[in-house]
Amino acid sequence: MEAVEHQARIEALTEDILTDRQLFSDYNRKFHENTLALSKIREQMQKIHPSSQRYTVAVNMGDFFMQVPLPKAQSMVSGAQKELESGIQEVQGRLEKKVDILEQLKKGNKE
């Protein structure tokens, strides 16, 4: 019975690791999308004079788009970047711990 419980722990931990890897992948993808957005915003800010009507950009806010000035859009995306960075670091830390535990459980299973 102990072997079955041990195997169940390994499987549950493996599922957690796969879930965290998917979350890491999603955060990383969004981080790179935001990096591209910041790059485009900087390009636009250099090309357009601040008094121009085109000094605004449409920003996706979940279910809707909102027209905001370029500097505001830049600060919004930068804020999201900081949140994503901390999320990525948190998930990486959890993954490292879980993978270490999984390796220990698997070693214990072989002995």
PDB file of N, CA and C in Angstrom:
ATOM      1  N   MET A   1       0.822  -1.200   0.000  1.00  0.00           N
ATOM      2  CA  MET A   1       0.000   0.000   0.000  1.00  0.00           C
ATOM      3  C   MET A   1       0.862   1.258   0.000  1.00  0.00           C
ATOM      4  N   GLU A   2       2.021   1.182   0.675  1.00  0.00           N
ATOM      5  CA  GLU A   2       2.911   2.326   0.741  1.00  0.00           C
ATOM      6  C   GLU A   2       3.437   2.701  -0.643  1.00  0.00           C
ATOM      7  N   ALA A   3       3.686   1.721  -1.488  1.00  0.00           N
ATOM      8  CA  ALA A   3       4.174   1.974  -2.842  1.00  0.00           C
ATOM      9  C   ALA A   3       3.133   2.726  -3.659  1.00  0.00           C
ATOM     10  N   VAL A   4       1.877   2.390  -3.455  1.00  0.00           N
ATOM     11  CA  VAL A   4       0.794   3.064  -4.183  1.00  0.00           C
ATOM     12  C   VAL A   4       0.709   4.528  -3.754  1.00  0.00           C
ATOM     13  N   GLU A   5       0.817   4.779  -2.462  1.00  0.00           N
ATOM     14  CA  GLU A   5       0.788   6.156  -1.961  1.00  0.00           C
ATOM     15  C   GLU A   5       1.988   6.944  -2.475  1.00  0.00           C
ATOM     16  N   HIS A   6       3.133   6.296  -2.501  1.00  0.00           N
ATOM     17  CA  HIS A   6       4.353   6.941  -2.998  1.00  0.00           C
ATOM     18  C   HIS A   6       4.179   7.322  -4.469  1.00  0.00           C
ATOM     19  N   GLN A   7       3.644   6.397  -5.258  1.00  0.00           N
ATOM     20  CA  GLN A   7       3.421   6.661  -6.682  1.00  0.00           C
ATOM     21  C   GLN A   7       2.384   7.772  -6.868  1.00  0.00           C
ATOM     22  N   ALA A   8       1.366   7.801  -6.027  1.00  0.00           N
ATOM     23  CA  ALA A   8       0.344   8.848  -6.102  1.00  0.00           C
ATOM     24  C   ALA A   8       0.958  10.220  -5.816  1.00  0.00           C
ATOM     25  N   ARG A   9       1.868  10.283  -4.829  1.00  0.00           N
ATOM     26  CA  ARG A   9       2.555  11.545  -4.533  1.00  0.00           C
ATOM     27  C   ARG A   9       3.387  12.005  -5.718  1.00  0.00           C
ATOM     28  N   ILE A  10       4.067  11.059  -6.357  1.00  0.00           N
ATOM     29  CA  ILE A  10       4.886  11.388  -7.527  1.00  0.00           C
ATOM     30  C   ILE A  10       4.005  11.928  -8.648  1.00  0.00           C
ATOM     31  N   GLU A  11       2.889  11.270  -8.904  1.00  0.00           N
ATOM     32  CA  GLU A  11       1.989  11.711  -9.972  1.00  0.00           C
ATOM     33  C   GLU A  11       1.388  13.084  -9.682  1.00  0.00           C
ATOM     34  N   ALA A  12       0.984  13.315  -8.435  1.00  0.00           N
ATOM     35  CA  ALA A  12       0.411  14.610  -8.068  1.00  0.00           C
ATOM     36  C   ALA A  12       1.445  15.724  -8.219  1.00  0.00           C
ATOM     37  N   LEU A  13       2.667  15.443  -7.797  1.00  0.00           N
ATOM     38  CA  LEU A  13       3.735  16.434  -7.909  1.00  0.00           C
ATOM     39  C   LEU A  13       4.064  16.700  -9.378  1.00  0.00           C
ATOM     40  N   THR A  14       4.053  15.661 -10.187  1.00  0.00           N
ATOM     41  CA  THR A  14       4.307  15.813 -11.619  1.00  0.00           C
ATOM     42  C   THR A  14       3.236  16.697 -12.259  1.00  0.00           C
ATOM     43  N   GLU A  15       1.988  16.504 -11.881  1.00  0.00           N
ATOM     44  CA  GLU A  15       0.915  17.358 -12.399  1.00  0.00           C
ATOM     45  C   GLU A  15       1.117  18.810 -11.989  1.00  0.00           C
ATOM     46  N   ASP A  16       1.510  19.035 -10.734  1.00  0.00           N
ATOM     47  CA  ASP A  16       1.784  20.395 -10.271  1.00  0.00           C
ATOM     48  C   ASP A  16       2.909  21.034 -11.077  1.00  0.00           C
ATOM     49  N   ILE A  17       3.939  20.246 -11.353  1.00  0.00           N
ATOM     50  CA  ILE A  17       5.076  20.761 -12.127  1.00  0.00           C
ATOM     51  C   ILE A  17       4.630  21.138 -13.535  1.00  0.00           C
ATOM     52  N   LEU A  18       3.831  20.291 -14.166  1.00  0.00           N
ATOM     53  CA  LEU A  18       3.349  20.595 -15.513  1.00  0.00           C
ATOM     54  C   LEU A  18       2.467  21.849 -15.527  1.00  0.00           C
ATOM     55  N   THR A  19       1.644  22.007 -14.501  1.00  0.00           N
ATOM     56  CA  THR A  19       0.801  23.194 -14.396  1.00  0.00           C
ATOM     57  C   THR A  19       1.663  24.448 -14.246  1.00  0.00           C
ATOM     58  N   ASP A  20       2.670  24.382 -13.378  1.00  0.00           N
ATOM     59  CA  ASP A  20       3.559  25.529 -13.194  1.00  0.00           C
ATOM     60  C   ASP A  20       4.369  25.832 -14.454  1.00  0.00           C
ATOM     61  N   ARG A  21       4.769  24.805 -15.177  1.00  0.00           N
ATOM     62  CA  ARG A  21       5.511  25.044 -16.428  1.00  0.00           C
ATOM     63  C   ARG A  21       4.633  25.751 -17.449  1.00  0.00           C
ATOM     64  N   GLN A  22       3.352  25.377 -17.497  1.00  0.00           N
ATOM     65  CA  GLN A  22       2.433  26.048 -18.419  1.00  0.00           C
ATOM     66  C   GLN A  22       2.246  27.499 -18.000  1.00  0.00           C
ATOM     67  N   LEU A  23       2.104  27.736 -16.704  1.00  0.00           N
ATOM     68  CA  LEU A  23       1.970  29.099 -16.195  1.00  0.00           C
ATOM     69  C   LEU A  23       3.222  29.911 -16.512  1.00  0.00           C
ATOM     70  N   PHE A  24       4.391  29.307 -16.327  1.00  0.00           N
ATOM     71  CA  PHE A  24       5.654  29.971 -16.650  1.00  0.00           C
ATOM     72  C   PHE A  24       5.692  30.337 -18.131  1.00  0.00           C
ATOM     73  N   SER A  25       5.267  29.415 -18.964  1.00  0.00           N
ATOM     74  CA  SER A  25       5.241  29.652 -20.407  1.00  0.00           C
ATOM     75  C   SER A  25       4.290  30.798 -20.756  1.00  0.00           C
ATOM     76  N   ASP A  26       3.119  30.815 -20.129  1.00  0.00           N
ATOM     77  CA  ASP A  26       2.151  31.887 -20.385  1.00  0.00           C
ATOM     78  C   ASP A  26       2.691  33.244 -19.940  1.00  0.00           C
ATOM     79  N   TYR A  27       3.278  33.281 -18.739  1.00  0.00           N
ATOM     80  CA  TYR A  27       3.862  34.538 -18.248  1.00  0.00           C
ATOM     81  C   TYR A  27       4.983  35.015 -19.160  1.00  0.00           C
ATOM     82  N   ASN A  28       5.824  34.093 -19.590  1.00  0.00           N
ATOM     83  CA  ASN A  28       6.953  34.434 -20.446  1.00  0.00           C
ATOM     84  C   ASN A  28       6.481  34.976 -21.799  1.00  0.00           C
ATOM     85  N   ARG A  29       5.455  34.343 -22.371  1.00  0.00           N
ATOM     86  CA  ARG A  29       4.901  34.800 -23.649  1.00  0.00           C
ATOM     87  C   ARG A  29       4.354  36.216 -23.498  1.00  0.00           C
ATOM     88  N   LYS A  30       3.596  36.455 -22.444  1.00  0.00           N
ATOM     89  CA  LYS A  30       3.021  37.778 -22.214  1.00  0.00           C
ATOM     90  C   LYS A  30       4.125  38.806 -21.968  1.00  0.00           C
ATOM     91  N   PHE A  31       5.180  38.407 -21.248  1.00  0.00           N
ATOM     92  CA  PHE A  31       6.305  39.303 -20.997  1.00  0.00           C
ATOM     93  C   PHE A  31       6.931  39.749 -22.320  1.00  0.00           C
ATOM     94  N   HIS A  32       7.130  38.817 -23.233  1.00  0.00           N
ATOM     95  CA  HIS A  32       7.734  39.163 -24.524  1.00  0.00           C
ATOM     96  C   HIS A  32       6.786  40.004 -25.383  1.00  0.00           C
ATOM     97  N   GLU A  33       5.496  39.738 -25.302  1.00  0.00           N
ATOM     98  CA  GLU A  33       4.529  40.575 -26.018  1.00  0.00           C
ATOM     99  C   GLU A  33       4.586  42.011 -25.495  1.00  0.00           C
ATOM    100  N   ASN A  34       4.667  42.154 -24.173  1.00  0.00           N
ATOM    101  CA  ASN A  34       4.746  43.490 -23.585  1.00  0.00           C
ATOM    102  C   ASN A  34       6.044  44.193 -23.955  1.00  0.00           C
ATOM    103  N   THR A  35       7.121  43.436 -24.048  1.00  0.00           N
ATOM    104  CA  THR A  35       8.406  44.019 -24.460  1.00  0.00           C
ATOM    105  C   THR A  35       8.287  44.603 -25.870  1.00  0.00           C
ATOM    106  N   LEU A  36       7.643  43.858 -26.757  1.00  0.00           N
ATOM    107  CA  LEU A  36       7.421  44.367 -28.117  1.00  0.00           C
ATOM    108  C   LEU A  36       6.521  45.603 -28.102  1.00  0.00           C
ATOM    109  N   ALA A  37       5.489  45.578 -27.263  1.00  0.00           N
ATOM    110  CA  ALA A  37       4.590  46.726 -27.167  1.00  0.00           C
ATOM    111  C   ALA A  37       5.338  47.958 -26.674  1.00  0.00           C
ATOM    112  N   LEU A  38       6.181  47.797 -25.664  1.00  0.00           N
ATOM    113  CA  LEU A  38       6.967  48.928 -25.161  1.00  0.00           C
ATOM    114  C   LEU A  38       7.889  49.488 -26.234  1.00  0.00           C
ATOM    115  N   SER A  39       8.461  48.595 -27.019  1.00  0.00           N
ATOM    116  CA  SER A  39       9.332  49.029 -28.111  1.00  0.00           C
ATOM    117  C   SER A  39       8.552  49.860 -29.130  1.00  0.00           C
ATOM    118  N   LYS A  40       7.373  49.401 -29.486  1.00  0.00           N
ATOM    119  CA  LYS A  40       6.536  50.139 -30.453  1.00  0.00           C
ATOM    120  C   LYS A  40       6.089  51.478 -29.871  1.00  0.00           C
ATOM    121  N   ILE A  41       5.749  51.488 -28.586  1.00  0.00           N
ATOM    122  CA  ILE A  41       5.337  52.745 -27.948  1.00  0.00           C
ATOM    123  C   ILE A  41       6.485  53.750 -27.973  1.00  0.00           C
ATOM    124  N   ARG A  42       7.691  53.293 -27.666  1.00  0.00           N
ATOM    125  CA  ARG A  42       8.858  54.198 -27.702  1.00  0.00           C
ATOM    126  C   ARG A  42       9.078  54.747 -29.114  1.00  0.00           C
ATOM    127  N   GLU A  43       8.917  53.887 -30.114  1.00  0.00           N
ATOM    128  CA  GLU A  43       9.060  54.346 -31.505  1.00  0.00           C
ATOM    129  C   GLU A  43       8.039  55.428 -31.812  1.00  0.00           C
ATOM    130  N   GLN A  44       6.785  55.188 -31.413  1.00  0.00           N
ATOM    131  CA  GLN A  44       5.722  56.154 -31.678  1.00  0.00           C
ATOM    132  C   GLN A  44       5.976  57.475 -30.960  1.00  0.00           C
ATOM    133  N   MET A  45       6.470  57.402 -29.731  1.00  0.00           N
ATOM    134  CA  MET A  45       6.723  58.613 -28.959  1.00  0.00           C
ATOM    135  C   MET A  45       7.810  59.467 -29.607  1.00  0.00           C
ATOM    136  N   GLN A  46       8.760  58.824 -30.279  1.00  0.00           N
ATOM    137  CA  GLN A  46       9.826  59.570 -30.940  1.00  0.00           C
ATOM    138  C   GLN A  46       9.343  60.202 -32.245  1.00  0.00           C
ATOM    139  N   LYS A  47       8.381  59.569 -32.904  1.00  0.00           N
ATOM    140  CA  LYS A  47       7.905  60.031 -34.205  1.00  0.00           C
ATOM    141  C   LYS A  47       6.855  61.132 -34.110  1.00  0.00           C
ATOM    142  N   ILE A  48       6.043  61.108 -33.066  1.00  0.00           N
ATOM    143  CA  ILE A  48       4.873  61.988 -32.997  1.00  0.00           C
ATOM    144  C   ILE A  48       5.096  63.102 -31.977  1.00  0.00           C
ATOM    145  N   HIS A  49       4.712  64.308 -32.350  1.00  0.00           N
ATOM    146  CA  HIS A  49       4.814  65.452 -31.449  1.00  0.00           C
ATOM    147  C   HIS A  49       3.722  65.343 -30.385  1.00  0.00           C
ATOM    148  N   PRO A  50       4.040  65.665 -29.110  1.00  0.00           N
ATOM    149  CA  PRO A  50       3.062  65.526 -28.019  1.00  0.00           C
ATOM    150  C   PRO A  50       1.755  66.284 -28.213  1.00  0.00           C
ATOM    151  N   SER A  51       1.758  67.353 -28.987  1.00  0.00           N
ATOM    152  CA  SER A  51       0.523  68.119 -29.179  1.00  0.00           C
ATOM    153  C   SER A  51      -0.364  67.504 -30.268  1.00  0.00           C
ATOM    154  N   SER A  52       0.141  66.521 -30.962  1.00  0.00           N
ATOM    155  CA  SER A  52      -0.616  65.880 -32.035  1.00  0.00           C
ATOM    156  C   SER A  52      -1.768  65.056 -31.482  1.00  0.00           C
ATOM    157  N   GLN A  53      -2.864  64.948 -32.255  1.00  0.00           N
ATOM    158  CA  GLN A  53      -3.999  64.123 -31.852  1.00  0.00           C
ATOM    159  C   GLN A  53      -3.628  62.643 -31.888  1.00  0.00           C
ATOM    160  N   ARG A  54      -2.613  62.308 -32.654  1.00  0.00           N
ATOM    161  CA  ARG A  54      -2.199  60.905 -32.763  1.00  0.00           C
ATOM    162  C   ARG A  54      -1.272  60.494 -31.624  1.00  0.00           C
ATOM    163  N   TYR A  55      -1.184  61.314 -30.591  1.00  0.00           N
ATOM    164  CA  TYR A  55      -0.316  61.015 -29.453  1.00  0.00           C
ATOM    165  C   TYR A  55      -1.000  60.059 -28.474  1.00  0.00           C
ATOM    166  N   THR A  56      -2.028  59.392 -28.940  1.00  0.00           N
ATOM    167  CA  THR A  56      -2.711  58.388 -28.129  1.00  0.00           C
ATOM    168  C   THR A  56      -2.619  57.041 -28.828  1.00  0.00           C
ATOM    169  N   VAL A  57      -2.892  55.999 -28.059  1.00  0.00           N
ATOM    170  CA  VAL A  57      -2.828  54.647 -28.591  1.00  0.00           C
ATOM    171  C   VAL A  57      -3.969  53.843 -27.971  1.00  0.00           C
ATOM    172  N   ALA A  58      -4.470  52.860 -28.714  1.00  0.00           N
ATOM    173  CA  ALA A  58      -5.511  51.978 -28.182  1.00  0.00           C
ATOM    174  C   ALA A  58      -4.845  50.857 -27.397  1.00  0.00           C
ATOM    175  N   VAL A  59      -5.286  50.677 -26.158  1.00  0.00           N
ATOM    176  CA  VAL A  59      -4.711  49.663 -25.277  1.00  0.00           C
ATOM    177  C   VAL A  59      -5.795  48.652 -24.935  1.00  0.00           C
ATOM    178  N   ASN A  60      -5.460  47.376 -25.051  1.00  0.00           N
ATOM    179  CA  ASN A  60      -6.402  46.312 -24.708  1.00  0.00           C
ATOM    180  C   ASN A  60      -6.449  46.168 -23.201  1.00  0.00           C
ATOM    181  N   MET A  61      -7.631  46.342 -22.628  1.00  0.00           N
ATOM    182  CA  MET A  61      -7.820  46.234 -21.178  1.00  0.00           C
ATOM    183  C   MET A  61      -8.733  45.040 -20.863  1.00  0.00           C
ATOM    184  N   GLY A  62      -8.357  43.877 -21.345  1.00  0.00           N
ATOM    185  CA  GLY A  62      -9.161  42.678 -21.104  1.00  0.00           C
ATOM    186  C   GLY A  62     -10.236  42.519 -22.158  1.00  0.00           C
ATOM    187  N   ASP A  63     -11.450  42.970 -21.838  1.00  0.00           N
ATOM    188  CA  ASP A  63     -12.573  42.798 -22.754  1.00  0.00           C
ATOM    189  C   ASP A  63     -12.816  44.002 -23.655  1.00  0.00           C
ATOM    190  N   PHE A  64     -12.060  45.075 -23.482  1.00  0.00           N
ATOM    191  CA  PHE A  64     -12.302  46.268 -24.281  1.00  0.00           C
ATOM    192  C   PHE A  64     -10.998  46.995 -24.565  1.00  0.00           C
ATOM    193  N   PHE A  65     -11.057  47.915 -25.531  1.00  0.00           N
ATOM    194  CA  PHE A  65      -9.911  48.748 -25.863  1.00  0.00           C
ATOM    195  C   PHE A  65     -10.161  50.144 -25.321  1.00  0.00           C
ATOM    196  N   MET A  66      -9.086  50.783 -24.909  1.00  0.00           N
ATOM    197  CA  MET A  66      -9.185  52.114 -24.354  1.00  0.00           C
ATOM    198  C   MET A  66      -8.142  53.002 -25.024  1.00  0.00           C
ATOM    199  N   GLN A  67      -8.539  54.199 -25.419  1.00  0.00           N
ATOM    200  CA  GLN A  67      -7.626  55.155 -26.044  1.00  0.00           C
ATOM    201  C   GLN A  67      -6.941  55.946 -24.931  1.00  0.00           C
ATOM    202  N   VAL A  68      -5.609  55.824 -24.834  1.00  0.00           N
ATOM    203  CA  VAL A  68      -4.861  56.524 -23.781  1.00  0.00           C
ATOM    204  C   VAL A  68      -3.641  57.210 -24.399  1.00  0.00           C
ATOM    205  N   PRO A  69      -3.144  58.251 -23.745  1.00  0.00           N
ATOM    206  CA  PRO A  69      -1.922  58.899 -24.228  1.00  0.00           C
ATOM    207  C   PRO A  69      -0.747  57.913 -24.177  1.00  0.00           C
ATOM    208  N   LEU A  70       0.186  58.080 -25.084  1.00  0.00           N
ATOM    209  CA  LEU A  70       1.332  57.178 -25.156  1.00  0.00           C
ATOM    210  C   LEU A  70       2.099  57.048 -23.843  1.00  0.00           C
ATOM    211  N   PRO A  71       2.384  58.152 -23.134  1.00  0.00           N
ATOM    212  CA  PRO A  71       3.116  57.987 -21.866  1.00  0.00           C
ATOM    213  C   PRO A  71       2.338  57.143 -20.845  1.00  0.00           C
ATOM    214  N   LYS A  72       1.029  57.317 -20.802  1.00  0.00           N
ATOM    215  CA  LYS A  72       0.199  56.533 -19.882  1.00  0.00           C
ATOM    216  C   LYS A  72       0.231  55.057 -20.289  1.00  0.00           C
ATOM    217  N   ALA A  73       0.145  54.795 -21.589  1.00  0.00           N
ATOM    218  CA  ALA A  73       0.215  53.415 -22.079  1.00  0.00           C
ATOM    219  C   ALA A  73       1.558  52.795 -21.709  1.00  0.00           C
ATOM    220  N   GLN A  74       2.618  53.580 -21.853  1.00  0.00           N
ATOM    221  CA  GLN A  74       3.948  53.083 -21.512  1.00  0.00           C
ATOM    222  C   GLN A  74       4.030  52.724 -20.035  1.00  0.00           C
ATOM    223  N   SER A  75       3.485  53.562 -19.171  1.00  0.00           N
ATOM    224  CA  SER A  75       3.546  53.263 -17.735  1.00  0.00           C
ATOM    225  C   SER A  75       2.664  52.063 -17.386  1.00  0.00           C
ATOM    226  N   MET A  76       1.531  51.907 -18.071  1.00  0.00           N
ATOM    227  CA  MET A  76       0.654  50.754 -17.821  1.00  0.00           C
ATOM    228  C   MET A  76       1.355  49.451 -18.198  1.00  0.00           C
ATOM    229  N   VAL A  77       1.970  49.439 -19.364  1.00  0.00           N
ATOM    230  CA  VAL A  77       2.653  48.228 -19.826  1.00  0.00           C
ATOM    231  C   VAL A  77       3.885  47.956 -18.965  1.00  0.00           C
ATOM    232  N   SER A  78       4.589  48.996 -18.568  1.00  0.00           N
ATOM    233  CA  SER A  78       5.756  48.814 -17.691  1.00  0.00           C
ATOM    234  C   SER A  78       5.341  48.221 -16.345  1.00  0.00           C
ATOM    235  N   GLY A  79       4.213  48.687 -15.819  1.00  0.00           N
ATOM    236  CA  GLY A  79       3.698  48.133 -14.567  1.00  0.00           C
ATOM    237  C   GLY A  79       3.352  46.661 -14.717  1.00  0.00           C
ATOM    238  N   ALA A  80       2.725  46.324 -15.844  1.00  0.00           N
ATOM    239  CA  ALA A  80       2.387  44.920 -16.102  1.00  0.00           C
ATOM    240  C   ALA A  80       3.661  44.090 -16.229  1.00  0.00           C
ATOM    241  N   GLN A  81       4.698  44.667 -16.824  1.00  0.00           N
ATOM    242  CA  GLN A  81       5.981  43.962 -16.954  1.00  0.00           C
ATOM    243  C   GLN A  81       6.555  43.617 -15.587  1.00  0.00           C
ATOM    244  N   LYS A  82       6.491  44.554 -14.667  1.00  0.00           N
ATOM    245  CA  LYS A  82       7.034  44.316 -13.326  1.00  0.00           C
ATOM    246  C   LYS A  82       6.263  43.196 -12.631  1.00  0.00           C
ATOM    247  N   GLU A  83       4.943  43.201 -12.785  1.00  0.00           N
ATOM    248  CA  GLU A  83       4.131  42.135 -12.194  1.00  0.00           C
ATOM    249  C   GLU A  83       4.481  40.787 -12.816  1.00  0.00           C
ATOM    250  N   LEU A  84       4.659  40.768 -14.131  1.00  0.00           N
ATOM    251  CA  LEU A  84       5.011  39.523 -14.813  1.00  0.00           C
ATOM    252  C   LEU A  84       6.390  39.027 -14.373  1.00  0.00           C
ATOM    253  N   GLU A  85       7.333  39.941 -14.223  1.00  0.00           N
ATOM    254  CA  GLU A  85       8.674  39.548 -13.767  1.00  0.00           C
ATOM    255  C   GLU A  85       8.610  38.870 -12.405  1.00  0.00           C
ATOM    256  N   SER A  86       7.849  39.457 -11.481  1.00  0.00           N
ATOM    257  CA  SER A  86       7.756  38.851 -10.151  1.00  0.00           C
ATOM    258  C   SER A  86       7.015  37.519 -10.226  1.00  0.00           C
ATOM    259  N   GLY A  87       5.996  37.426 -11.091  1.00  0.00           N
ATOM    260  CA  GLY A  87       5.289  36.161 -11.274  1.00  0.00           C
ATOM    261  C   GLY A  87       6.193  35.087 -11.849  1.00  0.00           C
ATOM    262  N   ILE A  88       7.011  35.461 -12.812  1.00  0.00           N
ATOM    263  CA  ILE A  88       7.942  34.509 -13.424  1.00  0.00           C
ATOM    264  C   ILE A  88       8.936  34.011 -12.384  1.00  0.00           C
ATOM    265  N   GLN A  89       9.482  34.927 -11.589  1.00  0.00           N
ATOM    266  CA  GLN A  89      10.441  34.529 -10.555  1.00  0.00           C
ATOM    267  C   GLN A  89       9.798  33.615  -9.517  1.00  0.00           C
ATOM    268  N   GLU A  90       8.565  33.920  -9.143  1.00  0.00           N
ATOM    269  CA  GLU A  90       7.855  33.095  -8.166  1.00  0.00           C
ATOM    270  C   GLU A  90       7.634  31.679  -8.701  1.00  0.00           C
ATOM    271  N   VAL A  91       7.186  31.590  -9.947  1.00  0.00           N
ATOM    272  CA  VAL A  91       6.939  30.277 -10.547  1.00  0.00           C
ATOM    273  C   VAL A  91       8.249  29.502 -10.704  1.00  0.00           C
ATOM    274  N   GLN A  92       9.324  30.185 -11.089  1.00  0.00           N
ATOM    275  CA  GLN A  92      10.622  29.521 -11.212  1.00  0.00           C
ATOM    276  C   GLN A  92      11.063  28.934  -9.881  1.00  0.00           C
ATOM    277  N   GLY A  93      10.890  29.691  -8.816  1.00  0.00           N
ATOM    278  CA  GLY A  93      11.261  29.205  -7.490  1.00  0.00           C
ATOM    279  C   GLY A  93      10.454  27.978  -7.095  1.00  0.00           C
ATOM    280  N   ARG A  94       9.144  28.034  -7.350  1.00  0.00           N
ATOM    281  CA  ARG A  94       8.298  26.873  -7.039  1.00  0.00           C
ATOM    282  C   ARG A  94       8.696  25.666  -7.866  1.00  0.00           C
ATOM    283  N   LEU A  95       8.981  25.899  -9.146  1.00  0.00           N
ATOM    284  CA  LEU A  95       9.368  24.789 -10.026  1.00  0.00           C
ATOM    285  C   LEU A  95      10.645  24.127  -9.541  1.00  0.00           C
ATOM    286  N   GLU A  96      11.633  24.928  -9.178  1.00  0.00           N
ATOM    287  CA  GLU A  96      12.906  24.367  -8.704  1.00  0.00           C
ATOM    288  C   GLU A  96      12.688  23.479  -7.479  1.00  0.00           C
ATOM    289  N   LYS A  97      11.893  23.977  -6.535  1.00  0.00           N
ATOM    290  CA  LYS A  97      11.625  23.202  -5.321  1.00  0.00           C
ATOM    291  C   LYS A  97      10.877  21.906  -5.636  1.00  0.00           C
ATOM    292  N   LYS A  98       9.870  22.009  -6.483  1.00  0.00           N
ATOM    293  CA  LYS A  98       9.065  20.826  -6.809  1.00  0.00           C
ATOM    294  C   LYS A  98       9.872  19.789  -7.579  1.00  0.00           C
ATOM    295  N   VAL A  99      10.726  20.247  -8.493  1.00  0.00           N
ATOM    296  CA  VAL A  99      11.557  19.313  -9.255  1.00  0.00           C
ATOM    297  C   VAL A  99      12.547  18.613  -8.316  1.00  0.00           C
ATOM    298  N   ASP A 100      13.112  19.353  -7.369  1.00  0.00           N
ATOM    299  CA  ASP A 100      14.022  18.740  -6.387  1.00  0.00           C
ATOM    300  C   ASP A 100      13.301  17.670  -5.571  1.00  0.00           C
ATOM    301  N   ILE A 101      12.104  17.994  -5.118  1.00  0.00           N
ATOM    302  CA  ILE A 101      11.323  17.025  -4.336  1.00  0.00           C
ATOM    303  C   ILE A 101      10.998  15.803  -5.181  1.00  0.00           C
ATOM    304  N   LEU A 102      10.611  16.032  -6.443  1.00  0.00           N
ATOM    305  CA  LEU A 102      10.292  14.920  -7.340  1.00  0.00           C
ATOM    306  C   LEU A 102      11.507  14.016  -7.540  1.00  0.00           C
ATOM    307  N   GLU A 103      12.667  14.608  -7.737  1.00  0.00           N
ATOM    308  CA  GLU A 103      13.886  13.807  -7.901  1.00  0.00           C
ATOM    309  C   GLU A 103      14.172  12.984  -6.652  1.00  0.00           C
ATOM    310  N   GLN A 104      13.971  13.573  -5.488  1.00  0.00           N
ATOM    311  CA  GLN A 104      14.186  12.830  -4.240  1.00  0.00           C
ATOM    312  C   GLN A 104      13.190  11.680  -4.111  1.00  0.00           C
ATOM    313  N   LEU A 105      11.929  11.937  -4.471  1.00  0.00           N
ATOM    314  CA  LEU A 105      10.917  10.868  -4.397  1.00  0.00           C
ATOM    315  C   LEU A 105      11.248   9.729  -5.357  1.00  0.00           C
ATOM    316  N   LYS A 106      11.722  10.101  -6.560  1.00  0.00           N
ATOM    317  CA  LYS A 106      12.058   9.067  -7.536  1.00  0.00           C
ATOM    318  C   LYS A 106      13.279   8.264  -7.103  1.00  0.00           C
ATOM    319  N   LYS A 107      14.249   8.938  -6.489  1.00  0.00           N
ATOM    320  CA  LYS A 107      15.425   8.211  -5.970  1.00  0.00           C
ATOM    321  C   LYS A 107      15.012   7.247  -4.869  1.00  0.00           C
ATOM    322  N   GLY A 108      14.117   7.713  -4.015  1.00  0.00           N
ATOM    323  CA  GLY A 108      13.627   6.863  -2.934  1.00  0.00           C
ATOM    324  C   GLY A 108      12.859   5.670  -3.460  1.00  0.00           C
ATOM    325  N   ASN A 109      12.255   5.821  -4.612  1.00  0.00           N
ATOM    326  CA  ASN A 109      11.477   4.742  -5.234  1.00  0.00           C
ATOM    327  C   ASN A 109      12.395   3.671  -5.807  1.00  0.00           C
ATOM    328  N   LYS A 110      13.590   4.073  -6.263  1.00  0.00           N
ATOM    329  CA  LYS A 110      14.519   3.130  -6.887  1.00  0.00           C
ATOM    330  C   LYS A 110      15.249   2.284  -5.864  1.00  0.00           C
ATOM    331  N   GLU A 111      15.393   2.806  -4.661  1.00  0.00           N
ATOM    332  CA  GLU A 111      16.172   2.095  -3.635  1.00  0.00           C
ATOM    333  C   GLU A 111      15.420   0.958  -3.020  1.00  0.00           C
TER     334      GLU A 111
END
